[in-house]
Amino acid sequence: MGLENLLAADAILPVTRVSSKKQALLEISERAAAVSGLKEREIFDGLWQRESLGSTGVGEGIAIPHAKIPKLGRMFGVLARLEKPIEYDATDGVPVDIIFALIAPESAGADHLKALAQIARTFRDEKLMAALRQTRDSAGIFSLLTSESTQDAA
């Protein structure tokens, strides 16, 4: 499963101005609700509940928060590129500036884990992350993350 199956251009926040993890997850939840028709509060609660179990800051300025939502039809992602890095309790202590939230159906099971692994593999590409951090528009970010060469590398 490539990111092109998880991410839509309208699910990208290219220059997000937030000052905390909670504020970032609220912004992401708002966008997720807009693109999915789900309730913003339900998405935020799912993301925040997962975050309370342990930080989803995976290191090198990247976080991959995720939540399972009952009655959701399909898995999807929302990407936020932060204008300024925020404290996120990441494993390496580095502030986060790239957040890819994965919203999955409660029944997703192994597909949820496969999607998380795909996201993590994609975001380990240093050249891709450098390009992503320089791109300030949704179309450019979408193109970077869904191009054939990106999928081949992951």
C-alpha atoms as a PDB file:
ATOM      1  CA  MET A   1       0.000   0.000   0.000  1.00  0.00           C
ATOM      2  CA  GLY A   2       1.547   3.275  -1.090  1.00  0.00           C
ATOM      3  CA  LEU A   3       0.874   6.722   0.301  1.00  0.00           C
ATOM      4  CA  GLU A   4      -1.158   7.506  -2.819  1.00  0.00           C
ATOM      5  CA  ASN A   5      -3.805   5.177  -1.349  1.00  0.00           C
ATOM      6  CA  LEU A   6      -3.812   6.993   1.991  1.00  0.00           C
ATOM      7  CA  LEU A   7      -3.325  10.667   1.203  1.00  0.00           C
ATOM      8  CA  ALA A   8      -5.389  13.119  -0.827  1.00  0.00           C
ATOM      9  CA  ALA A   9      -4.157  16.582  -1.828  1.00  0.00           C
ATOM     10  CA  ASP A  10      -6.916  18.201   0.239  1.00  0.00           C
ATOM     11  CA  ALA A  11      -5.685  16.319   3.330  1.00  0.00           C
ATOM     12  CA  ILE A  12      -2.428  18.285   3.447  1.00  0.00           C
ATOM     13  CA  LEU A  13      -1.764  21.269   5.697  1.00  0.00           C
ATOM     14  CA  PRO A  14       1.352  22.722   4.033  1.00  0.00           C
ATOM     15  CA  VAL A  15       2.297  25.553   6.429  1.00  0.00           C
ATOM     16  CA  THR A  16       0.661  24.913   9.778  1.00  0.00           C
ATOM     17  CA  ARG A  17       1.178  27.415  12.587  1.00  0.00           C
ATOM     18  CA  VAL A  18       0.842  25.700  15.971  1.00  0.00           C
ATOM     19  CA  SER A  19       2.706  25.901  19.251  1.00  0.00           C
ATOM     20  CA  SER A  20       1.876  22.571  20.908  1.00  0.00           C
ATOM     21  CA  LYS A  21       1.187  18.903  20.231  1.00  0.00           C
ATOM     22  CA  LYS A  22      -2.441  19.339  21.302  1.00  0.00           C
ATOM     23  CA  GLN A  23      -2.941  22.290  18.957  1.00  0.00           C
ATOM     24  CA  ALA A  24      -1.342  20.327  16.088  1.00  0.00           C
ATOM     25  CA  LEU A  25      -3.647  17.359  16.671  1.00  0.00           C
ATOM     26  CA  LEU A  26      -6.660  19.699  16.813  1.00  0.00           C
ATOM     27  CA  GLU A  27      -5.697  21.209  13.420  1.00  0.00           C
ATOM     28  CA  ILE A  28      -5.188  17.749  11.951  1.00  0.00           C
ATOM     29  CA  SER A  29      -8.512  16.560  13.366  1.00  0.00           C
ATOM     30  CA  GLU A  30     -10.274  19.535  11.823  1.00  0.00           C
ATOM     31  CA  ARG A  31      -8.837  18.747   8.382  1.00  0.00           C
ATOM     32  CA  ALA A  32      -9.541  15.018   8.799  1.00  0.00           C
ATOM     33  CA  ALA A  33     -13.169  15.806   9.612  1.00  0.00           C
ATOM     34  CA  ALA A  34     -13.465  18.051   6.558  1.00  0.00           C
ATOM     35  CA  VAL A  35     -12.149  15.405   4.157  1.00  0.00           C
ATOM     36  CA  SER A  36     -13.921  12.421   5.717  1.00  0.00           C
ATOM     37  CA  GLY A  37     -17.227  13.651   7.085  1.00  0.00           C
ATOM     38  CA  LEU A  38     -16.326  12.286  10.519  1.00  0.00           C
ATOM     39  CA  LYS A  39     -16.739  14.349  13.662  1.00  0.00           C
ATOM     40  CA  GLU A  40     -13.673  16.415  14.519  1.00  0.00           C
ATOM     41  CA  ARG A  41     -13.998  15.608  18.222  1.00  0.00           C
ATOM     42  CA  GLU A  42     -14.114  11.852  17.583  1.00  0.00           C
ATOM     43  CA  ILE A  43     -10.898  12.041  15.545  1.00  0.00           C
ATOM     44  CA  PHE A  44      -9.125  14.240  18.081  1.00  0.00           C
ATOM     45  CA  ASP A  45     -10.188  12.010  20.977  1.00  0.00           C
ATOM     46  CA  GLY A  46      -8.838   8.945  19.150  1.00  0.00           C
ATOM     47  CA  LEU A  47      -5.508  10.617  18.357  1.00  0.00           C
ATOM     48  CA  TRP A  48      -5.148  12.076  21.855  1.00  0.00           C
ATOM     49  CA  GLN A  49      -6.028   8.788  23.533  1.00  0.00           C
ATOM     50  CA  ARG A  50      -3.338   6.988  21.493  1.00  0.00           C
ATOM     51  CA  GLU A  51      -0.839   9.742  22.300  1.00  0.00           C
ATOM     52  CA  SER A  52      -1.536   9.282  26.021  1.00  0.00           C
ATOM     53  CA  LEU A  53      -0.193   5.720  25.718  1.00  0.00           C
ATOM     54  CA  GLY A  54       3.166   7.040  24.509  1.00  0.00           C
ATOM     55  CA  SER A  55       4.450   9.619  22.087  1.00  0.00           C
ATOM     56  CA  THR A  56       4.145   8.897  18.384  1.00  0.00           C
ATOM     57  CA  GLY A  57       7.134  11.151  17.719  1.00  0.00           C
ATOM     58  CA  VAL A  58       9.375   8.677  15.893  1.00  0.00           C
ATOM     59  CA  GLY A  59      12.455  10.875  15.644  1.00  0.00           C
ATOM     60  CA  GLU A  60      14.215  13.197  13.218  1.00  0.00           C
ATOM     61  CA  GLY A  61      11.392  15.749  13.447  1.00  0.00           C
ATOM     62  CA  ILE A  62       8.644  13.307  12.430  1.00  0.00           C
ATOM     63  CA  ALA A  63       5.518  12.123  14.239  1.00  0.00           C
ATOM     64  CA  ILE A  64       3.017   9.512  13.085  1.00  0.00           C
ATOM     65  CA  PRO A  65      -0.033   9.799  15.345  1.00  0.00           C
ATOM     66  CA  HIS A  66      -2.791   7.311  14.597  1.00  0.00           C
ATOM     67  CA  ALA A  67      -6.258   6.342  15.721  1.00  0.00           C
ATOM     68  CA  LYS A  68      -8.866   3.715  15.003  1.00  0.00           C
ATOM     69  CA  ILE A  69     -12.376   5.083  14.584  1.00  0.00           C
ATOM     70  CA  PRO A  70     -15.563   2.974  14.745  1.00  0.00           C
ATOM     71  CA  LYS A  71     -17.740   2.909  11.633  1.00  0.00           C
ATOM     72  CA  LEU A  72     -15.049   4.468   9.433  1.00  0.00           C
ATOM     73  CA  GLY A  73     -15.217   3.128   5.874  1.00  0.00           C
ATOM     74  CA  ARG A  74     -11.569   3.338   4.830  1.00  0.00           C
ATOM     75  CA  MET A  75      -8.137   4.271   6.104  1.00  0.00           C
ATOM     76  CA  PHE A  76      -6.755   7.718   5.257  1.00  0.00           C
ATOM     77  CA  GLY A  77      -4.033  10.127   6.259  1.00  0.00           C
ATOM     78  CA  VAL A  78      -3.601  13.827   6.970  1.00  0.00           C
ATOM     79  CA  LEU A  79      -0.204  15.463   6.683  1.00  0.00           C
ATOM     80  CA  ALA A  80       0.805  18.662   8.456  1.00  0.00           C
ATOM     81  CA  ARG A  81       4.071  20.432   7.683  1.00  0.00           C
ATOM     82  CA  LEU A  82       4.640  22.783  10.591  1.00  0.00           C
ATOM     83  CA  GLU A  83       5.979  26.271  10.076  1.00  0.00           C
ATOM     84  CA  LYS A  84       8.082  25.896  13.237  1.00  0.00           C
ATOM     85  CA  PRO A  85       8.982  22.659  15.034  1.00  0.00           C
ATOM     86  CA  ILE A  86       7.160  21.886  18.296  1.00  0.00           C
ATOM     87  CA  GLU A  87       8.020  19.814  21.351  1.00  0.00           C
ATOM     88  CA  TYR A  88       6.449  16.393  20.881  1.00  0.00           C
ATOM     89  CA  ASP A  89       8.214  14.071  23.341  1.00  0.00           C
ATOM     90  CA  ALA A  90       9.802  12.274  20.384  1.00  0.00           C
ATOM     91  CA  THR A  91      12.047   9.286  21.008  1.00  0.00           C
ATOM     92  CA  ASP A  92      15.159  11.304  20.106  1.00  0.00           C
ATOM     93  CA  GLY A  93      14.031  14.521  21.825  1.00  0.00           C
ATOM     94  CA  VAL A  94      14.071  16.457  18.537  1.00  0.00           C
ATOM     95  CA  PRO A  95      11.119  18.851  18.032  1.00  0.00           C
ATOM     96  CA  VAL A  96       8.648  17.761  15.346  1.00  0.00           C
ATOM     97  CA  ASP A  97       7.855  19.630  12.120  1.00  0.00           C
ATOM     98  CA  ILE A  98       6.295  16.850  10.001  1.00  0.00           C
ATOM     99  CA  ILE A  99       3.180  15.034  11.230  1.00  0.00           C
ATOM    100  CA  PHE A 100       1.419  12.298   9.276  1.00  0.00           C
ATOM    101  CA  ALA A 101      -1.760  11.233  11.074  1.00  0.00           C
ATOM    102  CA  LEU A 102      -3.265   7.891  10.098  1.00  0.00           C
ATOM    103  CA  ILE A 103      -6.988   7.430  10.690  1.00  0.00           C
ATOM    104  CA  ALA A 104      -8.141   3.826  10.351  1.00  0.00           C
ATOM    105  CA  PRO A 105     -11.335   1.824  10.767  1.00  0.00           C
ATOM    106  CA  GLU A 106     -11.577   0.011  14.066  1.00  0.00           C
ATOM    107  CA  SER A 107     -11.507  -3.266  12.125  1.00  0.00           C
ATOM    108  CA  ALA A 108      -8.334  -2.431  10.141  1.00  0.00           C
ATOM    109  CA  GLY A 109      -6.133  -4.927  12.005  1.00  0.00           C
ATOM    110  CA  ALA A 110      -2.982  -5.814  10.053  1.00  0.00           C
ATOM    111  CA  ASP A 111      -3.713  -3.227   7.342  1.00  0.00           C
ATOM    112  CA  HIS A 112      -3.306  -0.490   9.964  1.00  0.00           C
ATOM    113  CA  LEU A 113       0.113  -1.852  10.944  1.00  0.00           C
ATOM    114  CA  LYS A 114       1.172  -2.223   7.293  1.00  0.00           C
ATOM    115  CA  ALA A 115       0.179   1.382   6.604  1.00  0.00           C
ATOM    116  CA  LEU A 116       2.143   2.623   9.636  1.00  0.00           C
ATOM    117  CA  ALA A 117       5.180   0.675   8.430  1.00  0.00           C
ATOM    118  CA  GLN A 118       4.833   2.145   4.914  1.00  0.00           C
ATOM    119  CA  ILE A 119       4.637   5.678   6.307  1.00  0.00           C
ATOM    120  CA  ALA A 120       7.677   5.097   8.527  1.00  0.00           C
ATOM    121  CA  ARG A 121       9.706   3.662   5.610  1.00  0.00           C
ATOM    122  CA  THR A 122       8.771   6.575   3.360  1.00  0.00           C
ATOM    123  CA  PHE A 123       9.649   9.154   6.003  1.00  0.00           C
ATOM    124  CA  ARG A 124      13.095   7.640   6.638  1.00  0.00           C
ATOM    125  CA  ASP A 125      14.216   8.889   3.207  1.00  0.00           C
ATOM    126  CA  GLU A 126      16.446  11.859   4.055  1.00  0.00           C
ATOM    127  CA  LYS A 127      16.310  13.400   0.552  1.00  0.00           C
ATOM    128  CA  LEU A 128      12.520  13.174   0.501  1.00  0.00           C
ATOM    129  CA  MET A 129      12.229  14.767   3.946  1.00  0.00           C
ATOM    130  CA  ALA A 130      14.597  17.584   2.966  1.00  0.00           C
ATOM    131  CA  ALA A 131      12.479  18.263  -0.141  1.00  0.00           C
ATOM    132  CA  LEU A 132       9.259  18.061   1.881  1.00  0.00           C
ATOM    133  CA  ARG A 133      10.574  20.593   4.382  1.00  0.00           C
ATOM    134  CA  GLN A 134      11.300  23.013   1.530  1.00  0.00           C
ATOM    135  CA  THR A 135       7.890  22.634  -0.134  1.00  0.00           C
ATOM    136  CA  ARG A 136       5.238  25.099   0.967  1.00  0.00           C
ATOM    137  CA  ASP A 137       2.166  24.095  -1.049  1.00  0.00           C
ATOM    138  CA  SER A 138      -0.207  21.143  -0.928  1.00  0.00           C
ATOM    139  CA  ALA A 139       0.218  20.172  -4.578  1.00  0.00           C
ATOM    140  CA  GLY A 140       3.997  20.013  -4.265  1.00  0.00           C
ATOM    141  CA  ILE A 141       3.862  17.972  -1.073  1.00  0.00           C
ATOM    142  CA  PHE A 142       1.278  15.625  -2.565  1.00  0.00           C
ATOM    143  CA  SER A 143       3.441  15.132  -5.642  1.00  0.00           C
ATOM    144  CA  LEU A 144       6.538  14.409  -3.537  1.00  0.00           C
ATOM    145  CA  LEU A 145       4.768  11.824  -1.398  1.00  0.00           C
ATOM    146  CA  THR A 146       2.874  10.039  -4.152  1.00  0.00           C
ATOM    147  CA  SER A 147       5.387  10.032  -6.998  1.00  0.00           C
ATOM    148  CA  GLU A 148       6.378   6.696  -8.469  1.00  0.00           C
ATOM    149  CA  SER A 149      10.000   7.102  -7.392  1.00  0.00           C
ATOM    150  CA  THR A 150       8.906   7.707  -3.784  1.00  0.00           C
ATOM    151  CA  GLN A 151       6.815   4.553  -3.833  1.00  0.00           C
ATOM    152  CA  ASP A 152       9.649   2.533  -5.357  1.00  0.00           C
ATOM    153  CA  ALA A 153      12.078   3.704  -2.678  1.00  0.00           C
ATOM    154  CA  ALA A 154       9.706   2.784   0.149  1.00  0.00           C
END
